[in-house]
Amino acid sequence: MQTSIILVESPSAQRWAPETLNQWTHGFGAILSVIGAGVMLSTVLPTGDAWRIAGCAIYVASLVALYVASTLSHSFECGPRRDFYRMLDQVCIFLLVVGTYTPFGMVHHRENGWWMLLVAMWLLATMGIVERVRRGTQGTPFRTFVMLGWLPIIGFGRIHEVCQGPGLALVVAGGLSYLGGLWFLCNDVRRPYYHAAWHLSTIAGSTCHFLFLLEYVARVPAA
């Protein structure tokens, strides 16, 4: 059976209109993530700080990968390609969750044993990725992503110490955007456009966290 791209050979325009919107929303997110990657790397590279550069590079790579994988997962009507990209999409969610914390952890959480939090998150993400690949077409329970995503709250005190009011607001707003969007994701079988609402929530959440990392990790504070 030949796999077709939705925008080219949709069997029913009415049926696939929501899926096309899903494709466009995260396609827009992919464009934003590529632009953001350029902004962040151009900001962090002049610092010459290897920790900052490595952390930010890991983050933007995971950000771009997530939005590209998600766009592709909504670009095929059915068949093994769609299943593969759906699996890749969820793998990239693990990578983005831990990748978002990585720059902060590498720069501000290296002392007094806090580095173990970053190691633990990468181990858990790796375990989640392996399990997701083994599950084949079965998805990953949402609670797995939620637990991993909120694990950095253990280091909330250090986050508050580094960024104070505005930065802390960005962190919390981003987390709540993701968390609130999960309602649409969990109920996307009820309304055809709920999944697109989930996509917009992820764009809002990742934008907040991008701005936080750009200001409090990529840039070296003025002396």
N, C-alpha and C. Protein backbone atom coordinates (compact mmCIF):
# COMPACT_ATOMS: atom_id res chain seq x y z
N MET A 1 0.85 -1.20 0.00
CA MET A 1 0.00 0.00 0.00
C MET A 1 0.88 1.24 0.00
N GLN A 2 0.64 2.13 -0.91
CA GLN A 2 1.49 3.31 -1.04
C GLN A 2 1.11 4.35 0.00
N THR A 3 2.11 4.87 0.72
CA THR A 3 1.87 5.89 1.72
C THR A 3 1.84 7.25 1.05
N SER A 4 0.85 8.05 1.37
CA SER A 4 0.73 9.36 0.73
C SER A 4 0.89 10.47 1.75
N ILE A 5 1.39 11.57 1.29
CA ILE A 5 1.50 12.75 2.14
C ILE A 5 0.16 13.47 2.12
N ILE A 6 -0.28 13.87 3.28
CA ILE A 6 -1.62 14.40 3.43
C ILE A 6 -1.88 15.59 2.51
N LEU A 7 -0.94 16.50 2.43
CA LEU A 7 -1.17 17.70 1.64
C LEU A 7 -1.26 17.40 0.15
N VAL A 8 -0.79 16.23 -0.27
CA VAL A 8 -0.78 15.90 -1.70
C VAL A 8 -1.96 15.03 -2.08
N GLU A 9 -2.23 13.98 -1.29
CA GLU A 9 -3.26 13.02 -1.68
C GLU A 9 -4.17 12.69 -0.51
N SER A 10 -4.77 13.69 0.06
CA SER A 10 -5.71 13.43 1.15
C SER A 10 -6.97 12.78 0.60
N PRO A 11 -7.39 11.63 1.15
CA PRO A 11 -8.57 10.94 0.65
C PRO A 11 -9.86 11.69 0.94
N SER A 12 -9.83 12.51 1.95
CA SER A 12 -11.02 13.28 2.29
C SER A 12 -10.59 14.59 2.93
N ALA A 13 -10.85 15.70 2.24
CA ALA A 13 -10.42 17.00 2.76
C ALA A 13 -11.05 17.29 4.10
N GLN A 14 -12.31 16.89 4.27
CA GLN A 14 -12.99 17.14 5.53
C GLN A 14 -12.38 16.31 6.65
N ARG A 15 -12.07 15.07 6.37
CA ARG A 15 -11.51 14.17 7.38
C ARG A 15 -10.13 14.62 7.81
N TRP A 16 -9.32 15.10 6.86
CA TRP A 16 -7.94 15.39 7.17
C TRP A 16 -7.65 16.86 7.46
N ALA A 17 -8.68 17.70 7.47
CA ALA A 17 -8.46 19.11 7.80
C ALA A 17 -7.83 19.29 9.18
N PRO A 18 -8.31 18.60 10.24
CA PRO A 18 -7.66 18.73 11.54
C PRO A 18 -6.20 18.26 11.51
N GLU A 19 -5.94 17.18 10.78
CA GLU A 19 -4.57 16.66 10.72
C GLU A 19 -3.66 17.62 9.97
N THR A 20 -4.19 18.27 8.96
CA THR A 20 -3.41 19.28 8.25
C THR A 20 -3.08 20.44 9.17
N LEU A 21 -4.04 20.83 10.01
CA LEU A 21 -3.79 21.89 10.99
C LEU A 21 -2.72 21.46 11.98
N ASN A 22 -2.76 20.20 12.39
CA ASN A 22 -1.71 19.67 13.27
C ASN A 22 -0.35 19.79 12.61
N GLN A 23 -0.32 19.49 11.33
CA GLN A 23 0.92 19.57 10.57
C GLN A 23 1.42 21.00 10.49
N TRP A 24 0.52 21.92 10.22
CA TRP A 24 0.91 23.32 10.06
C TRP A 24 1.36 23.96 11.38
N THR A 25 0.66 23.63 12.47
CA THR A 25 1.01 24.25 13.75
C THR A 25 2.43 23.89 14.17
N HIS A 26 2.77 22.61 14.11
CA HIS A 26 4.13 22.25 14.50
C HIS A 26 5.13 22.47 13.39
N GLY A 27 4.66 22.60 12.14
CA GLY A 27 5.55 23.06 11.09
C GLY A 27 6.00 24.48 11.37
N PHE A 28 5.05 25.31 11.84
CA PHE A 28 5.38 26.67 12.26
C PHE A 28 6.33 26.63 13.45
N GLY A 29 6.08 25.70 14.38
CA GLY A 29 6.98 25.54 15.51
C GLY A 29 8.38 25.14 15.08
N ALA A 30 8.47 24.31 14.04
CA ALA A 30 9.78 23.90 13.53
C ALA A 30 10.55 25.09 12.97
N ILE A 31 9.84 25.95 12.25
CA ILE A 31 10.49 27.16 11.70
C ILE A 31 10.98 28.05 12.83
N LEU A 32 10.12 28.26 13.84
CA LEU A 32 10.51 29.07 14.99
C LEU A 32 11.71 28.47 15.71
N SER A 33 11.74 27.15 15.84
CA SER A 33 12.83 26.50 16.57
C SER A 33 14.16 26.65 15.84
N VAL A 34 14.13 26.59 14.51
CA VAL A 34 15.36 26.78 13.74
C VAL A 34 15.86 28.22 13.90
N ILE A 35 14.93 29.18 13.83
CA ILE A 35 15.32 30.58 14.03
C ILE A 35 15.87 30.77 15.44
N GLY A 36 15.17 30.19 16.42
CA GLY A 36 15.62 30.29 17.80
C GLY A 36 16.99 29.67 18.02
N ALA A 37 17.24 28.55 17.35
CA ALA A 37 18.55 27.90 17.47
C ALA A 37 19.65 28.83 17.00
N GLY A 38 19.40 29.52 15.89
CA GLY A 38 20.39 30.47 15.39
C GLY A 38 20.63 31.61 16.36
N VAL A 39 19.54 32.12 16.96
CA VAL A 39 19.67 33.22 17.92
C VAL A 39 20.44 32.77 19.15
N MET A 40 20.10 31.60 19.68
CA MET A 40 20.76 31.13 20.90
C MET A 40 22.24 30.83 20.67
N LEU A 41 22.55 30.17 19.57
CA LEU A 41 23.95 29.83 19.31
C LEU A 41 24.78 31.08 19.05
N SER A 42 24.21 32.05 18.35
CA SER A 42 24.95 33.29 18.09
C SER A 42 25.14 34.09 19.38
N THR A 43 24.28 33.85 20.36
CA THR A 43 24.41 34.52 21.65
C THR A 43 25.43 33.84 22.54
N VAL A 44 25.42 32.51 22.57
CA VAL A 44 26.27 31.78 23.51
C VAL A 44 27.69 31.56 23.01
N LEU A 45 27.89 31.44 21.71
CA LEU A 45 29.23 31.15 21.18
C LEU A 45 30.27 32.21 21.56
N PRO A 46 29.94 33.52 21.51
CA PRO A 46 30.95 34.52 21.88
C PRO A 46 31.39 34.46 23.33
N THR A 47 30.63 33.79 24.20
CA THR A 47 31.03 33.70 25.61
C THR A 47 32.28 32.85 25.78
N GLY A 48 32.49 31.89 24.89
CA GLY A 48 33.64 31.00 25.01
C GLY A 48 33.54 30.03 26.16
N ASP A 49 32.40 29.97 26.82
CA ASP A 49 32.19 29.08 27.96
C ASP A 49 31.73 27.71 27.43
N ALA A 50 32.58 26.70 27.60
CA ALA A 50 32.29 25.38 27.04
C ALA A 50 31.01 24.78 27.63
N TRP A 51 30.77 24.99 28.91
CA TRP A 51 29.58 24.44 29.55
C TRP A 51 28.31 25.07 28.97
N ARG A 52 28.34 26.39 28.84
CA ARG A 52 27.17 27.08 28.28
C ARG A 52 26.93 26.66 26.83
N ILE A 53 27.99 26.62 26.05
CA ILE A 53 27.86 26.29 24.64
C ILE A 53 27.33 24.87 24.45
N ALA A 54 27.91 23.92 25.19
CA ALA A 54 27.48 22.52 25.06
C ALA A 54 26.02 22.36 25.49
N GLY A 55 25.67 22.96 26.62
CA GLY A 55 24.30 22.84 27.11
C GLY A 55 23.28 23.43 26.15
N CYS A 56 23.58 24.63 25.64
CA CYS A 56 22.66 25.29 24.71
C CYS A 56 22.57 24.53 23.39
N ALA A 57 23.68 23.96 22.93
CA ALA A 57 23.67 23.19 21.68
C ALA A 57 22.79 21.95 21.82
N ILE A 58 22.89 21.27 22.96
CA ILE A 58 22.04 20.10 23.21
C ILE A 58 20.57 20.51 23.23
N TYR A 59 20.30 21.63 23.88
CA TYR A 59 18.92 22.09 23.98
C TYR A 59 18.31 22.41 22.62
N VAL A 60 18.99 23.23 21.83
CA VAL A 60 18.39 23.63 20.54
C VAL A 60 18.29 22.43 19.59
N ALA A 61 19.21 21.48 19.70
CA ALA A 61 19.11 20.27 18.87
C ALA A 61 17.86 19.48 19.23
N SER A 62 17.58 19.35 20.52
CA SER A 62 16.38 18.62 20.95
C SER A 62 15.11 19.38 20.58
N LEU A 63 15.17 20.71 20.62
CA LEU A 63 14.01 21.53 20.28
C LEU A 63 13.64 21.39 18.80
N VAL A 64 14.64 21.53 17.94
CA VAL A 64 14.40 21.40 16.50
C VAL A 64 13.94 19.98 16.17
N ALA A 65 14.59 18.98 16.77
CA ALA A 65 14.23 17.59 16.50
C ALA A 65 12.78 17.30 16.85
N LEU A 66 12.32 17.83 17.98
CA LEU A 66 10.94 17.59 18.40
C LEU A 66 9.94 18.14 17.39
N TYR A 67 10.12 19.38 16.99
CA TYR A 67 9.13 19.99 16.10
C TYR A 67 9.17 19.39 14.70
N VAL A 68 10.35 19.03 14.24
CA VAL A 68 10.44 18.38 12.93
C VAL A 68 9.79 17.00 12.97
N ALA A 69 10.09 16.22 14.01
CA ALA A 69 9.52 14.88 14.14
C ALA A 69 8.00 14.94 14.27
N SER A 70 7.50 15.90 15.04
CA SER A 70 6.06 16.03 15.21
C SER A 70 5.38 16.40 13.90
N THR A 71 5.99 17.32 13.15
CA THR A 71 5.43 17.70 11.85
C THR A 71 5.36 16.50 10.92
N LEU A 72 6.42 15.72 10.88
CA LEU A 72 6.44 14.53 10.02
C LEU A 72 5.42 13.49 10.48
N SER A 73 5.21 13.39 11.78
CA SER A 73 4.26 12.40 12.28
C SER A 73 2.82 12.71 11.86
N HIS A 74 2.57 13.96 11.52
CA HIS A 74 1.24 14.34 11.06
C HIS A 74 1.18 14.53 9.55
N SER A 75 2.23 14.12 8.85
CA SER A 75 2.30 14.34 7.41
C SER A 75 1.94 13.11 6.59
N PHE A 76 1.75 11.98 7.24
CA PHE A 76 1.44 10.75 6.52
C PHE A 76 0.11 10.19 7.00
N GLU A 77 -0.71 9.77 6.04
CA GLU A 77 -2.07 9.35 6.36
C GLU A 77 -2.10 8.05 7.16
N CYS A 78 -1.30 7.07 6.79
CA CYS A 78 -1.33 5.79 7.48
C CYS A 78 -0.10 4.98 7.08
N GLY A 79 0.04 3.80 7.68
CA GLY A 79 1.13 2.92 7.30
C GLY A 79 2.35 3.02 8.19
N PRO A 80 3.39 2.27 7.86
CA PRO A 80 4.58 2.19 8.70
C PRO A 80 5.32 3.52 8.86
N ARG A 81 5.27 4.39 7.84
CA ARG A 81 5.94 5.68 7.98
C ARG A 81 5.31 6.51 9.09
N ARG A 82 4.00 6.53 9.09
CA ARG A 82 3.30 7.27 10.14
C ARG A 82 3.62 6.69 11.51
N ASP A 83 3.60 5.37 11.65
CA ASP A 83 3.92 4.73 12.92
C ASP A 83 5.34 5.06 13.36
N PHE A 84 6.27 5.05 12.40
CA PHE A 84 7.67 5.35 12.73
C PHE A 84 7.82 6.77 13.24
N TYR A 85 7.21 7.72 12.54
CA TYR A 85 7.36 9.11 12.95
C TYR A 85 6.60 9.42 14.23
N ARG A 86 5.52 8.71 14.51
CA ARG A 86 4.85 8.86 15.79
C ARG A 86 5.76 8.38 16.93
N MET A 87 6.44 7.27 16.69
CA MET A 87 7.38 6.78 17.68
C MET A 87 8.53 7.77 17.86
N LEU A 88 9.06 8.29 16.74
CA LEU A 88 10.16 9.25 16.81
C LEU A 88 9.72 10.53 17.52
N ASP A 89 8.49 10.94 17.30
CA ASP A 89 7.94 12.12 17.95
C ASP A 89 7.99 11.96 19.47
N GLN A 90 7.56 10.80 19.97
CA GLN A 90 7.56 10.60 21.41
C GLN A 90 8.97 10.43 21.96
N VAL A 91 9.86 9.85 21.18
CA VAL A 91 11.27 9.79 21.59
C VAL A 91 11.82 11.20 21.75
N CYS A 92 11.47 12.07 20.82
CA CYS A 92 11.97 13.45 20.87
C CYS A 92 11.36 14.25 22.01
N ILE A 93 10.17 13.84 22.48
CA ILE A 93 9.61 14.49 23.67
C ILE A 93 10.51 14.24 24.87
N PHE A 94 10.95 12.99 25.03
CA PHE A 94 11.90 12.69 26.11
C PHE A 94 13.15 13.56 25.98
N LEU A 95 13.66 13.66 24.75
CA LEU A 95 14.89 14.42 24.53
C LEU A 95 14.69 15.90 24.84
N LEU A 96 13.53 16.45 24.47
CA LEU A 96 13.30 17.87 24.74
C LEU A 96 13.10 18.13 26.23
N VAL A 97 12.41 17.23 26.91
CA VAL A 97 12.20 17.42 28.35
C VAL A 97 13.54 17.51 29.07
N VAL A 98 14.41 16.54 28.85
CA VAL A 98 15.71 16.57 29.53
C VAL A 98 16.63 17.60 28.89
N GLY A 99 16.48 17.82 27.59
CA GLY A 99 17.31 18.81 26.91
C GLY A 99 17.04 20.22 27.37
N THR A 100 15.80 20.50 27.79
CA THR A 100 15.46 21.84 28.28
C THR A 100 16.14 22.13 29.61
N TYR A 101 16.26 21.13 30.46
CA TYR A 101 16.93 21.33 31.74
C TYR A 101 18.44 21.31 31.61
N THR A 102 18.96 20.65 30.59
CA THR A 102 20.40 20.44 30.47
C THR A 102 21.24 21.72 30.52
N PRO A 103 20.91 22.79 29.78
CA PRO A 103 21.76 23.99 29.86
C PRO A 103 21.82 24.57 31.26
N PHE A 104 20.67 24.65 31.93
CA PHE A 104 20.66 25.19 33.29
C PHE A 104 21.46 24.28 34.21
N GLY A 105 21.26 22.98 34.08
CA GLY A 105 21.98 22.03 34.93
C GLY A 105 23.48 22.10 34.73
N MET A 106 23.93 22.24 33.48
CA MET A 106 25.36 22.27 33.18
C MET A 106 26.02 23.56 33.64
N VAL A 107 25.25 24.64 33.73
CA VAL A 107 25.83 25.94 34.11
C VAL A 107 25.61 26.25 35.58
N HIS A 108 24.42 26.03 36.09
CA HIS A 108 24.07 26.48 37.44
C HIS A 108 23.90 25.35 38.46
N HIS A 109 23.92 24.10 38.02
CA HIS A 109 23.70 22.99 38.94
C HIS A 109 24.85 21.99 38.92
N ARG A 110 26.07 22.49 38.86
CA ARG A 110 27.22 21.58 38.85
C ARG A 110 27.81 21.36 40.24
N GLU A 111 27.50 22.22 41.17
CA GLU A 111 28.13 22.17 42.49
C GLU A 111 27.28 21.40 43.49
N ASN A 112 27.95 20.96 44.56
CA ASN A 112 27.28 20.36 45.72
C ASN A 112 26.38 19.17 45.37
N GLY A 113 26.82 18.40 44.41
CA GLY A 113 26.09 17.18 44.07
C GLY A 113 24.87 17.38 43.19
N TRP A 114 24.57 18.63 42.80
CA TRP A 114 23.39 18.86 41.96
C TRP A 114 23.54 18.25 40.57
N TRP A 115 24.78 17.97 40.16
CA TRP A 115 25.00 17.35 38.85
C TRP A 115 24.30 15.99 38.76
N MET A 116 24.07 15.37 39.93
CA MET A 116 23.41 14.06 39.93
C MET A 116 21.97 14.15 39.42
N LEU A 117 21.34 15.32 39.60
CA LEU A 117 19.97 15.49 39.09
C LEU A 117 19.96 15.42 37.57
N LEU A 118 20.93 16.06 36.94
CA LEU A 118 21.01 16.02 35.48
C LEU A 118 21.30 14.61 34.99
N VAL A 119 22.20 13.92 35.66
CA VAL A 119 22.52 12.54 35.29
C VAL A 119 21.28 11.66 35.44
N ALA A 120 20.56 11.84 36.55
CA ALA A 120 19.36 11.04 36.78
C ALA A 120 18.31 11.28 35.70
N MET A 121 18.16 12.53 35.30
CA MET A 121 17.18 12.84 34.26
C MET A 121 17.54 12.20 32.93
N TRP A 122 18.82 12.23 32.58
CA TRP A 122 19.25 11.61 31.33
C TRP A 122 19.09 10.09 31.38
N LEU A 123 19.35 9.50 32.54
CA LEU A 123 19.16 8.06 32.68
C LEU A 123 17.68 7.69 32.53
N LEU A 124 16.82 8.46 33.18
CA LEU A 124 15.38 8.19 33.09
C LEU A 124 14.87 8.40 31.67
N ALA A 125 15.36 9.45 31.01
CA ALA A 125 14.95 9.71 29.63
C ALA A 125 15.41 8.58 28.71
N THR A 126 16.63 8.11 28.93
CA THR A 126 17.15 7.01 28.11
C THR A 126 16.32 5.75 28.31
N MET A 127 15.98 5.47 29.56
CA MET A 127 15.13 4.31 29.85
C MET A 127 13.76 4.46 29.17
N GLY A 128 13.21 5.68 29.22
CA GLY A 128 11.93 5.93 28.58
C GLY A 128 11.99 5.75 27.08
N ILE A 129 13.08 6.20 26.48
CA ILE A 129 13.25 6.07 25.03
C ILE A 129 13.35 4.60 24.63
N VAL A 130 14.15 3.84 25.37
CA VAL A 130 14.30 2.41 25.07
C VAL A 130 12.96 1.70 25.19
N GLU A 131 12.22 2.02 26.25
CA GLU A 131 10.92 1.39 26.45
C GLU A 131 9.95 1.78 25.35
N ARG A 132 10.00 3.05 24.93
CA ARG A 132 9.09 3.49 23.86
C ARG A 132 9.38 2.76 22.55
N VAL A 133 10.64 2.59 22.23
CA VAL A 133 11.01 1.87 21.01
C VAL A 133 10.55 0.42 21.09
N ARG A 134 10.68 -0.18 22.26
CA ARG A 134 10.27 -1.57 22.43
C ARG A 134 8.76 -1.75 22.32
N ARG A 135 8.01 -0.71 22.66
CA ARG A 135 6.55 -0.82 22.64
C ARG A 135 5.98 -0.78 21.24
N GLY A 136 6.77 -0.43 20.27
CA GLY A 136 6.30 -0.40 18.89
C GLY A 136 5.24 0.65 18.67
N THR A 137 4.06 0.23 18.23
CA THR A 137 2.98 1.17 17.93
C THR A 137 2.24 1.65 19.16
N GLN A 138 2.52 1.07 20.33
CA GLN A 138 1.87 1.51 21.56
C GLN A 138 2.55 2.77 22.06
N GLY A 139 1.75 3.74 22.47
CA GLY A 139 2.30 5.01 22.92
C GLY A 139 2.87 4.95 24.32
N THR A 140 3.45 6.07 24.73
CA THR A 140 4.00 6.21 26.07
C THR A 140 2.97 6.88 26.97
N PRO A 141 2.74 6.37 28.19
CA PRO A 141 1.80 7.02 29.11
C PRO A 141 2.21 8.47 29.38
N PHE A 142 1.25 9.38 29.35
CA PHE A 142 1.55 10.80 29.53
C PHE A 142 2.22 11.08 30.87
N ARG A 143 1.86 10.32 31.89
CA ARG A 143 2.41 10.57 33.21
C ARG A 143 3.93 10.44 33.23
N THR A 144 4.48 9.63 32.32
CA THR A 144 5.93 9.47 32.25
C THR A 144 6.60 10.78 31.88
N PHE A 145 6.05 11.48 30.88
CA PHE A 145 6.59 12.77 30.47
C PHE A 145 6.41 13.81 31.57
N VAL A 146 5.25 13.78 32.22
CA VAL A 146 4.96 14.77 33.26
C VAL A 146 5.92 14.62 34.43
N MET A 147 6.14 13.40 34.89
CA MET A 147 7.04 13.17 36.02
C MET A 147 8.46 13.61 35.69
N LEU A 148 8.93 13.28 34.50
CA LEU A 148 10.28 13.68 34.10
C LEU A 148 10.37 15.20 33.96
N GLY A 149 9.32 15.80 33.40
CA GLY A 149 9.33 17.24 33.17
C GLY A 149 9.34 18.07 34.44
N TRP A 150 8.72 17.55 35.49
CA TRP A 150 8.66 18.32 36.74
C TRP A 150 9.73 17.91 37.74
N LEU A 151 10.61 17.00 37.36
CA LEU A 151 11.68 16.58 38.26
C LEU A 151 12.61 17.73 38.65
N PRO A 152 12.92 18.67 37.74
CA PRO A 152 13.81 19.78 38.13
C PRO A 152 13.28 20.66 39.25
N ILE A 153 12.00 20.49 39.62
CA ILE A 153 11.47 21.29 40.71
C ILE A 153 12.20 21.00 42.02
N ILE A 154 12.92 19.87 42.05
CA ILE A 154 13.75 19.54 43.21
C ILE A 154 14.77 20.65 43.45
N GLY A 155 15.26 21.23 42.36
CA GLY A 155 16.24 22.31 42.47
C GLY A 155 15.63 23.68 42.37
N PHE A 156 14.38 23.82 42.80
CA PHE A 156 13.66 25.09 42.66
C PHE A 156 14.38 26.24 43.35
N GLY A 157 14.98 25.95 44.50
CA GLY A 157 15.67 27.00 45.24
C GLY A 157 16.78 27.64 44.43
N ARG A 158 17.55 26.82 43.74
CA ARG A 158 18.65 27.34 42.92
C ARG A 158 18.11 28.12 41.72
N ILE A 159 17.03 27.64 41.14
CA ILE A 159 16.42 28.36 40.02
C ILE A 159 15.98 29.74 40.47
N HIS A 160 15.35 29.81 41.64
CA HIS A 160 14.91 31.10 42.18
C HIS A 160 16.10 32.01 42.47
N GLU A 161 17.17 31.44 42.98
CA GLU A 161 18.37 32.22 43.30
C GLU A 161 18.98 32.84 42.04
N VAL A 162 18.97 32.09 40.96
CA VAL A 162 19.61 32.56 39.72
C VAL A 162 18.77 33.59 39.00
N CYS A 163 17.47 33.37 38.90
CA CYS A 163 16.67 34.20 38.00
C CYS A 163 15.68 35.14 38.68
N GLN A 164 15.38 34.93 39.93
CA GLN A 164 14.44 35.79 40.65
C GLN A 164 13.08 35.87 39.94
N GLY A 165 12.46 37.07 39.93
CA GLY A 165 11.08 37.22 39.47
C GLY A 165 10.79 36.90 38.02
N PRO A 166 11.30 37.72 37.08
CA PRO A 166 10.94 37.53 35.67
C PRO A 166 11.31 36.15 35.12
N GLY A 167 12.50 35.70 35.44
CA GLY A 167 12.93 34.39 34.95
C GLY A 167 12.11 33.27 35.53
N LEU A 168 11.80 33.39 36.81
CA LEU A 168 10.99 32.37 37.47
C LEU A 168 9.59 32.32 36.85
N ALA A 169 9.08 33.49 36.50
CA ALA A 169 7.76 33.54 35.86
C ALA A 169 7.77 32.81 34.52
N LEU A 170 8.86 32.94 33.77
CA LEU A 170 8.97 32.24 32.49
C LEU A 170 9.00 30.72 32.69
N VAL A 171 9.75 30.27 33.70
CA VAL A 171 9.83 28.83 33.98
C VAL A 171 8.46 28.28 34.34
N VAL A 172 7.78 28.96 35.26
CA VAL A 172 6.46 28.49 35.71
C VAL A 172 5.44 28.56 34.58
N ALA A 173 5.45 29.67 33.82
CA ALA A 173 4.50 29.81 32.71
C ALA A 173 4.70 28.72 31.67
N GLY A 174 5.96 28.40 31.39
CA GLY A 174 6.24 27.33 30.44
C GLY A 174 5.74 25.99 30.92
N GLY A 175 5.99 25.69 32.19
CA GLY A 175 5.54 24.43 32.76
C GLY A 175 4.02 24.31 32.76
N LEU A 176 3.35 25.41 33.10
CA LEU A 176 1.89 25.39 33.13
C LEU A 176 1.30 25.30 31.72
N SER A 177 1.98 25.87 30.74
CA SER A 177 1.51 25.76 29.35
C SER A 177 1.53 24.31 28.90
N TYR A 178 2.63 23.62 29.19
CA TYR A 178 2.70 22.20 28.85
C TYR A 178 1.64 21.40 29.60
N LEU A 179 1.55 21.67 30.91
CA LEU A 179 0.63 20.90 31.74
C LEU A 179 -0.82 21.15 31.33
N GLY A 180 -1.17 22.41 31.09
CA GLY A 180 -2.52 22.72 30.66
C GLY A 180 -2.85 22.13 29.30
N GLY A 181 -1.86 22.10 28.42
CA GLY A 181 -2.07 21.54 27.09
C GLY A 181 -2.34 20.06 27.11
N LEU A 182 -1.89 19.38 28.17
CA LEU A 182 -2.13 17.94 28.26
C LEU A 182 -3.61 17.60 28.29
N TRP A 183 -4.43 18.53 28.80
CA TRP A 183 -5.87 18.27 28.82
C TRP A 183 -6.40 18.09 27.39
N PHE A 184 -5.94 18.97 26.50
CA PHE A 184 -6.36 18.85 25.10
C PHE A 184 -5.83 17.57 24.47
N LEU A 185 -4.59 17.21 24.82
CA LEU A 185 -4.01 15.99 24.27
C LEU A 185 -4.77 14.75 24.74
N CYS A 186 -5.11 14.73 26.02
CA CYS A 186 -5.82 13.57 26.57
C CYS A 186 -7.26 13.47 26.06
N ASN A 187 -7.80 14.57 25.55
CA ASN A 187 -9.19 14.58 25.10
C ASN A 187 -9.32 14.86 23.61
N ASP A 188 -8.24 14.65 22.86
CA ASP A 188 -8.29 15.01 21.45
C ASP A 188 -9.19 14.10 20.61
N VAL A 189 -9.66 13.00 21.20
CA VAL A 189 -10.62 12.15 20.47
C VAL A 189 -12.03 12.74 20.52
N ARG A 190 -12.27 13.69 21.43
CA ARG A 190 -13.60 14.28 21.57
C ARG A 190 -13.86 15.36 20.51
N ARG A 191 -12.84 16.17 20.24
CA ARG A 191 -12.98 17.26 19.28
C ARG A 191 -11.81 17.19 18.30
N PRO A 192 -12.08 17.37 17.02
CA PRO A 192 -11.02 17.19 16.01
C PRO A 192 -9.88 18.19 16.11
N TYR A 193 -10.12 19.36 16.73
CA TYR A 193 -9.08 20.38 16.75
C TYR A 193 -8.38 20.50 18.10
N TYR A 194 -8.70 19.61 19.02
CA TYR A 194 -8.04 19.65 20.33
C TYR A 194 -6.54 19.38 20.21
N HIS A 195 -6.15 18.53 19.27
CA HIS A 195 -4.73 18.21 19.15
C HIS A 195 -3.94 19.43 18.69
N ALA A 196 -4.54 20.23 17.82
CA ALA A 196 -3.87 21.47 17.39
C ALA A 196 -3.73 22.43 18.57
N ALA A 197 -4.72 22.43 19.48
CA ALA A 197 -4.63 23.26 20.68
C ALA A 197 -3.46 22.79 21.56
N TRP A 198 -3.27 21.48 21.63
CA TRP A 198 -2.11 20.93 22.34
C TRP A 198 -0.82 21.42 21.70
N HIS A 199 -0.77 21.42 20.39
CA HIS A 199 0.42 21.90 19.69
C HIS A 199 0.70 23.36 20.03
N LEU A 200 -0.32 24.19 20.04
CA LEU A 200 -0.13 25.60 20.37
C LEU A 200 0.35 25.77 21.81
N SER A 201 -0.13 24.90 22.70
CA SER A 201 0.33 24.93 24.10
C SER A 201 1.81 24.59 24.20
N THR A 202 2.26 23.62 23.40
CA THR A 202 3.68 23.26 23.44
C THR A 202 4.54 24.38 22.87
N ILE A 203 4.04 25.07 21.85
CA ILE A 203 4.79 26.21 21.31
C ILE A 203 4.91 27.30 22.36
N ALA A 204 3.82 27.57 23.07
CA ALA A 204 3.85 28.58 24.13
C ALA A 204 4.82 28.18 25.24
N GLY A 205 4.76 26.91 25.65
CA GLY A 205 5.64 26.44 26.71
C GLY A 205 7.10 26.49 26.32
N SER A 206 7.41 26.02 25.13
CA SER A 206 8.81 26.01 24.70
C SER A 206 9.32 27.42 24.45
N THR A 207 8.44 28.35 24.06
CA THR A 207 8.85 29.74 23.89
C THR A 207 9.26 30.34 25.23
N CYS A 208 8.46 30.10 26.26
CA CYS A 208 8.80 30.60 27.60
C CYS A 208 10.14 30.05 28.07
N HIS A 209 10.36 28.77 27.91
CA HIS A 209 11.61 28.17 28.37
C HIS A 209 12.79 28.59 27.51
N PHE A 210 12.55 28.81 26.23
CA PHE A 210 13.61 29.32 25.36
C PHE A 210 14.06 30.70 25.83
N LEU A 211 13.12 31.59 26.11
CA LEU A 211 13.46 32.94 26.55
C LEU A 211 14.20 32.90 27.89
N PHE A 212 13.80 31.98 28.76
CA PHE A 212 14.49 31.83 30.05
C PHE A 212 15.94 31.41 29.84
N LEU A 213 16.15 30.39 29.02
CA LEU A 213 17.51 29.89 28.80
C LEU A 213 18.36 30.90 28.05
N LEU A 214 17.76 31.63 27.14
CA LEU A 214 18.50 32.65 26.40
C LEU A 214 19.03 33.72 27.34
N GLU A 215 18.20 34.13 28.28
CA GLU A 215 18.57 35.23 29.17
C GLU A 215 19.46 34.78 30.33
N TYR A 216 19.19 33.60 30.89
CA TYR A 216 19.86 33.21 32.14
C TYR A 216 20.92 32.13 31.98
N VAL A 217 21.09 31.62 30.76
CA VAL A 217 22.15 30.64 30.52
C VAL A 217 23.03 31.06 29.35
N ALA A 218 22.42 31.37 28.22
CA ALA A 218 23.21 31.70 27.03
C ALA A 218 24.00 32.99 27.20
N ARG A 219 23.42 33.95 27.92
CA ARG A 219 24.11 35.22 28.16
C ARG A 219 24.87 35.15 29.48
N VAL A 220 26.09 35.66 29.47
CA VAL A 220 26.86 35.75 30.71
C VAL A 220 26.41 36.99 31.45
N PRO A 221 26.04 36.87 32.73
CA PRO A 221 25.58 38.04 33.49
C PRO A 221 26.65 39.13 33.54
N ALA A 222 26.21 40.37 33.48
CA ALA A 222 27.14 41.49 33.57
C ALA A 222 27.79 41.51 34.95
N ALA A 223 29.06 41.83 34.96
CA ALA A 223 29.80 41.86 36.24
C ALA A 223 29.32 43.00 37.11
